[in-house]
Amino acid sequence: MLVADGEDLFREGLSVLFARDAEIRIVGQASTGAEACEKVRRLEPDIVLLALHLPDMSGVDVARAIGKGVPATRVALISKSFSRADLVDAINVGVRGYITKDVELSTLIEAVKVVARGEFFVPPESSGVLLAELVAISENNHREHFAAAADRAKVTDRECDVLQLLVQGATNRDIAGRLHITENTVKVHLRNILDKLQLRNRQQAAAFAVSSGLVTLQREDSAPRRPSNGAHRRPYAGAGSGS
């Protein structure tokens, strides 16, 4: 992993803390966007933990350059907070992780590992905004595909349970714990969902779940809405509910 942040103390402190984890190897540091781009090209790390704001350029611009030059490297952004515009821009350049600087160290380490596995990490307080944008992007790019897939989809009740938690940003471990099943079983459910819906990854599955009505976003204090066709769709309370 490469750590890129303009604050020397923060960057070096993170590198020391990450180095204590046996599963994470720090291959370099960068204090500017230009330096981050150069080191990613040269070192080809699996993941870059990248500050949203760097002295010479934005983290989104760095992520865009990394995506074009070294697409195998995954990017996680870290910042004190994320605005809606930040999230939209980052989604469009393929950023997978959104981490706030006030998280506990254990959560930060888990977030990095989630992104390294090719999954998506987003803080609960931003998940509603992020999901809305994922849905919009997916609807624009895959509207016809989704419509055809919806007609063929035969998603089981348990797979709907998995999709509900996936939409909330849950990791495989979180889903396993909530549903009292093993992580391997979660992976099997996710693979079955992707195969049935002819989708490529969990982000598309989450977007499809909402856009197709398999999962309904709603406020905590609003009444559950039953799908008109009587199918096994379930509403859930969004990120703002604190659940």
Protein backbone atom coordinates (compact mmCIF):
# COMPACT_ATOMS: atom_id res chain seq x y z
CA MET A 1 0.00 0.00 0.00
CA LEU A 2 1.07 3.57 -0.70
CA VAL A 3 0.01 6.39 1.63
CA ALA A 4 -0.38 9.88 0.12
CA ASP A 5 -1.12 12.87 2.34
CA GLY A 6 0.28 16.39 2.53
CA GLU A 7 0.46 16.35 6.34
CA ASP A 8 3.82 14.75 7.16
CA LEU A 9 2.98 13.77 10.72
CA PHE A 10 -0.36 12.21 9.76
CA ARG A 11 1.09 10.34 6.78
CA GLU A 12 4.11 9.00 8.63
CA GLY A 13 2.02 8.08 11.67
CA LEU A 14 -0.37 6.08 9.53
CA SER A 15 2.48 4.29 7.83
CA VAL A 16 3.90 3.22 11.19
CA LEU A 17 0.52 2.03 12.44
CA PHE A 18 -0.26 0.09 9.26
CA ALA A 19 3.16 -1.55 9.35
CA ARG A 20 2.13 -3.28 12.59
CA ASP A 21 -0.53 -5.26 10.74
CA ALA A 22 0.83 -8.47 9.24
CA GLU A 23 -1.55 -8.29 6.28
CA ILE A 24 -0.52 -4.79 5.17
CA ARG A 25 2.82 -3.85 3.65
CA ILE A 26 3.66 -0.18 3.09
CA VAL A 27 5.64 0.22 -0.13
CA GLY A 28 5.91 4.01 -0.12
CA GLN A 29 4.68 7.45 0.88
CA ALA A 30 3.87 10.59 -1.10
CA SER A 31 3.28 14.16 0.03
CA THR A 32 1.91 15.53 -3.27
CA GLY A 33 -0.35 14.35 -6.05
CA ALA A 34 2.45 14.36 -8.59
CA GLU A 35 4.63 12.26 -6.32
CA ALA A 36 1.76 9.84 -5.71
CA CYS A 37 1.18 9.38 -9.45
CA GLU A 38 4.88 8.79 -10.09
CA LYS A 39 5.26 6.27 -7.27
CA VAL A 40 2.12 4.38 -8.23
CA ARG A 41 3.44 4.00 -11.79
CA ARG A 42 6.78 2.79 -10.49
CA LEU A 43 5.71 0.64 -7.53
CA GLU A 44 2.27 -0.55 -8.73
CA PRO A 45 0.79 -0.97 -5.21
CA ASP A 46 -2.42 -2.92 -4.73
CA ILE A 47 -4.01 0.04 -2.98
CA VAL A 48 -3.41 3.76 -2.43
CA LEU A 49 -4.72 5.54 0.65
CA LEU A 50 -5.08 9.01 -0.78
CA ALA A 51 -5.94 12.34 0.85
CA LEU A 52 -8.90 14.07 -0.77
CA HIS A 53 -6.92 17.33 -0.76
CA LEU A 54 -3.20 17.42 -1.62
CA PRO A 55 -0.96 20.49 -1.90
CA ASP A 56 -0.76 20.44 -5.71
CA MET A 57 -3.95 18.73 -6.86
CA SER A 58 -7.11 17.06 -5.67
CA GLY A 59 -7.23 13.44 -4.66
CA VAL A 60 -9.95 12.89 -7.28
CA ASP A 61 -7.59 14.09 -10.03
CA VAL A 62 -4.88 11.79 -8.71
CA ALA A 63 -7.36 8.89 -8.64
CA ARG A 64 -8.34 9.65 -12.23
CA ALA A 65 -4.70 9.55 -13.32
CA ILE A 66 -4.11 6.30 -11.42
CA GLY A 67 -7.18 4.75 -13.01
CA LYS A 68 -5.90 5.54 -16.48
CA GLY A 69 -2.25 4.65 -15.89
CA VAL A 70 -2.39 1.78 -13.38
CA PRO A 71 -5.99 0.50 -13.37
CA ALA A 72 -5.15 -2.51 -11.19
CA THR A 73 -4.36 -0.20 -8.24
CA ARG A 74 -7.41 0.49 -6.09
CA VAL A 75 -7.91 3.90 -4.50
CA ALA A 76 -9.34 4.78 -1.09
CA LEU A 77 -9.83 8.46 -0.27
CA ILE A 78 -9.41 9.81 3.24
CA SER A 79 -10.65 13.20 4.42
CA LYS A 80 -12.17 14.98 7.40
CA SER A 81 -15.48 14.87 5.54
CA PHE A 82 -16.98 14.30 2.09
CA SER A 83 -19.43 16.57 0.32
CA ARG A 84 -21.95 15.27 -2.18
CA ALA A 85 -19.84 16.76 -5.00
CA ASP A 86 -16.75 14.97 -3.67
CA LEU A 87 -18.58 11.64 -3.70
CA VAL A 88 -20.02 12.12 -7.17
CA ASP A 89 -16.64 13.07 -8.65
CA ALA A 90 -14.87 10.20 -6.89
CA ILE A 91 -17.45 7.63 -7.97
CA ASN A 92 -17.01 8.69 -11.58
CA VAL A 93 -13.26 8.01 -11.49
CA GLY A 94 -13.60 4.61 -9.82
CA VAL A 95 -12.68 5.33 -6.18
CA ARG A 96 -13.70 2.38 -3.99
CA GLY A 97 -13.11 3.63 -0.45
CA TYR A 98 -14.27 6.74 1.43
CA ILE A 99 -12.76 7.03 4.89
CA THR A 100 -13.13 9.88 7.38
CA LYS A 101 -10.14 10.84 9.51
CA ASP A 102 -12.09 10.50 12.76
CA VAL A 103 -12.58 6.72 12.43
CA GLU A 104 -11.03 4.35 14.91
CA LEU A 105 -7.79 2.70 13.85
CA SER A 106 -9.43 -0.73 13.68
CA THR A 107 -12.07 0.64 11.29
CA LEU A 108 -9.42 2.32 9.15
CA ILE A 109 -7.44 -0.91 8.85
CA GLU A 110 -10.60 -2.87 8.03
CA ALA A 111 -11.57 -0.27 5.41
CA VAL A 112 -8.21 -0.64 3.68
CA LYS A 113 -8.57 -4.42 3.65
CA VAL A 114 -12.10 -4.17 2.27
CA VAL A 115 -10.93 -2.00 -0.62
CA ALA A 116 -7.90 -4.22 -1.21
CA ARG A 117 -10.31 -7.15 -1.70
CA GLY A 118 -12.03 -5.21 -4.44
CA GLU A 119 -15.04 -4.32 -2.32
CA PHE A 120 -16.55 -0.96 -1.47
CA PHE A 121 -16.19 0.95 1.81
CA VAL A 122 -18.15 4.07 2.68
CA PRO A 123 -18.89 5.69 6.07
CA PRO A 124 -22.51 5.11 7.17
CA GLU A 125 -23.30 8.83 7.21
CA SER A 126 -22.45 9.09 3.50
CA SER A 127 -23.89 5.80 2.27
CA GLY A 128 -27.26 7.26 1.29
CA VAL A 129 -25.69 9.92 -0.93
CA LEU A 130 -23.24 7.44 -2.40
CA LEU A 131 -25.91 4.89 -3.17
CA ALA A 132 -28.15 7.49 -4.80
CA GLU A 133 -25.33 8.43 -7.14
CA LEU A 134 -24.50 4.78 -7.86
CA VAL A 135 -28.13 4.22 -8.79
CA ALA A 136 -28.17 7.26 -11.06
CA ILE A 137 -24.97 6.23 -12.81
CA SER A 138 -26.13 2.66 -13.20
CA GLU A 139 -29.52 3.70 -14.53
CA ASN A 140 -27.92 5.96 -17.10
CA ASN A 141 -25.36 3.41 -18.25
CA HIS A 142 -27.31 0.17 -17.92
CA ARG A 143 -31.02 1.01 -18.15
CA GLU A 144 -31.81 -1.46 -20.91
CA HIS A 145 -29.63 -4.15 -19.35
CA PHE A 146 -31.32 -3.76 -15.98
CA ALA A 147 -34.81 -3.91 -17.50
CA ALA A 148 -34.00 -7.18 -19.25
CA ALA A 149 -32.29 -8.64 -16.19
CA ALA A 150 -35.25 -7.76 -13.97
CA ASP A 151 -37.53 -9.95 -16.08
CA ARG A 152 -35.23 -12.94 -15.67
CA ALA A 153 -34.20 -12.42 -12.06
CA LYS A 154 -35.41 -14.97 -9.52
CA VAL A 155 -33.85 -13.62 -6.35
CA THR A 156 -34.58 -15.67 -3.24
CA ASP A 157 -35.65 -14.28 0.13
CA ARG A 158 -32.19 -14.91 1.58
CA GLU A 159 -30.53 -13.21 -1.38
CA CYS A 160 -32.80 -10.21 -0.77
CA ASP A 161 -31.59 -10.17 2.83
CA VAL A 162 -28.02 -10.07 1.55
CA LEU A 163 -28.88 -7.28 -0.89
CA GLN A 164 -30.50 -5.21 1.86
CA LEU A 165 -27.29 -5.26 3.89
CA LEU A 166 -25.12 -4.80 0.81
CA VAL A 167 -27.00 -1.61 -0.02
CA GLN A 168 -26.24 -0.34 3.48
CA GLY A 169 -22.52 -0.76 2.80
CA ALA A 170 -22.05 -3.89 4.89
CA THR A 171 -18.96 -6.03 4.36
CA ASN A 172 -19.15 -9.80 3.90
CA ARG A 173 -18.23 -10.20 7.57
CA ASP A 174 -20.99 -7.79 8.62
CA ILE A 175 -23.55 -9.62 6.48
CA ALA A 176 -22.50 -12.98 7.88
CA GLY A 177 -22.86 -11.72 11.44
CA ARG A 178 -26.25 -10.11 10.86
CA LEU A 179 -27.70 -13.14 9.09
CA HIS A 180 -25.96 -15.75 11.28
CA ILE A 181 -24.29 -17.46 8.34
CA THR A 182 -20.65 -17.97 7.33
CA GLU A 183 -18.67 -15.53 5.18
CA ASN A 184 -18.30 -18.29 2.60
CA THR A 185 -22.09 -18.61 2.41
CA VAL A 186 -22.32 -14.84 1.90
CA LYS A 187 -19.89 -15.12 -1.01
CA VAL A 188 -21.99 -17.89 -2.54
CA HIS A 189 -25.14 -15.76 -2.26
CA LEU A 190 -23.37 -12.78 -3.83
CA ARG A 191 -22.07 -14.89 -6.71
CA ASN A 192 -25.57 -16.28 -7.32
CA ILE A 193 -27.00 -12.75 -7.29
CA LEU A 194 -24.42 -11.51 -9.79
CA ASP A 195 -25.00 -14.50 -12.05
CA LYS A 196 -28.79 -14.15 -11.96
CA LEU A 197 -28.74 -10.41 -12.61
CA GLN A 198 -25.83 -10.60 -15.08
CA LEU A 199 -23.87 -7.99 -13.14
CA ARG A 200 -20.14 -7.63 -12.61
CA ASN A 201 -19.69 -6.56 -8.99
CA ARG A 202 -21.36 -5.77 -5.68
CA GLN A 203 -21.68 -2.07 -6.50
CA GLN A 204 -23.82 -2.85 -9.53
CA ALA A 205 -25.82 -5.32 -7.43
CA ALA A 206 -26.53 -2.63 -4.82
CA ALA A 207 -27.57 -0.13 -7.48
CA PHE A 208 -29.78 -2.72 -9.18
CA ALA A 209 -31.41 -3.71 -5.88
CA VAL A 210 -32.65 -0.14 -5.40
CA SER A 211 -33.42 0.79 -9.01
CA SER A 212 -35.40 -2.41 -9.58
CA GLY A 213 -37.30 -2.19 -6.28
CA LEU A 214 -35.81 -5.30 -4.67
CA VAL A 215 -34.76 -2.96 -1.85
CA THR A 216 -36.58 0.30 -1.15
CA LEU A 217 -34.81 3.29 0.35
CA GLN A 218 -37.00 5.09 2.88
CA ARG A 219 -36.87 7.24 5.98
CA GLU A 220 -36.99 5.49 9.33
CA ASP A 221 -40.26 7.15 10.26
CA SER A 222 -42.04 6.36 7.02
CA ALA A 223 -44.33 3.39 6.65
CA PRO A 224 -43.02 0.31 4.83
CA ARG A 225 -44.14 0.13 1.21
CA ARG A 226 -45.13 -3.23 -0.18
CA PRO A 227 -44.29 -3.78 -3.85
CA SER A 228 -47.42 -3.72 -5.98
CA ASN A 229 -46.66 -7.09 -7.57
CA GLY A 230 -46.60 -8.91 -4.20
CA ALA A 231 -43.00 -10.06 -4.65
CA HIS A 232 -40.65 -10.66 -1.75
CA ARG A 233 -39.16 -7.16 -1.72
CA ARG A 234 -38.40 -5.53 1.59
CA PRO A 235 -37.95 -1.86 2.52
CA TYR A 236 -35.19 -0.88 4.91
CA ALA A 237 -34.27 2.23 6.85
CA GLY A 238 -31.52 4.25 5.18
CA ALA A 239 -28.16 5.27 6.61
CA GLY A 240 -29.64 8.17 8.50
CA SER A 241 -31.56 5.83 10.76
CA GLY A 242 -28.51 4.86 12.76
CA SER A 243 -29.29 1.17 12.36
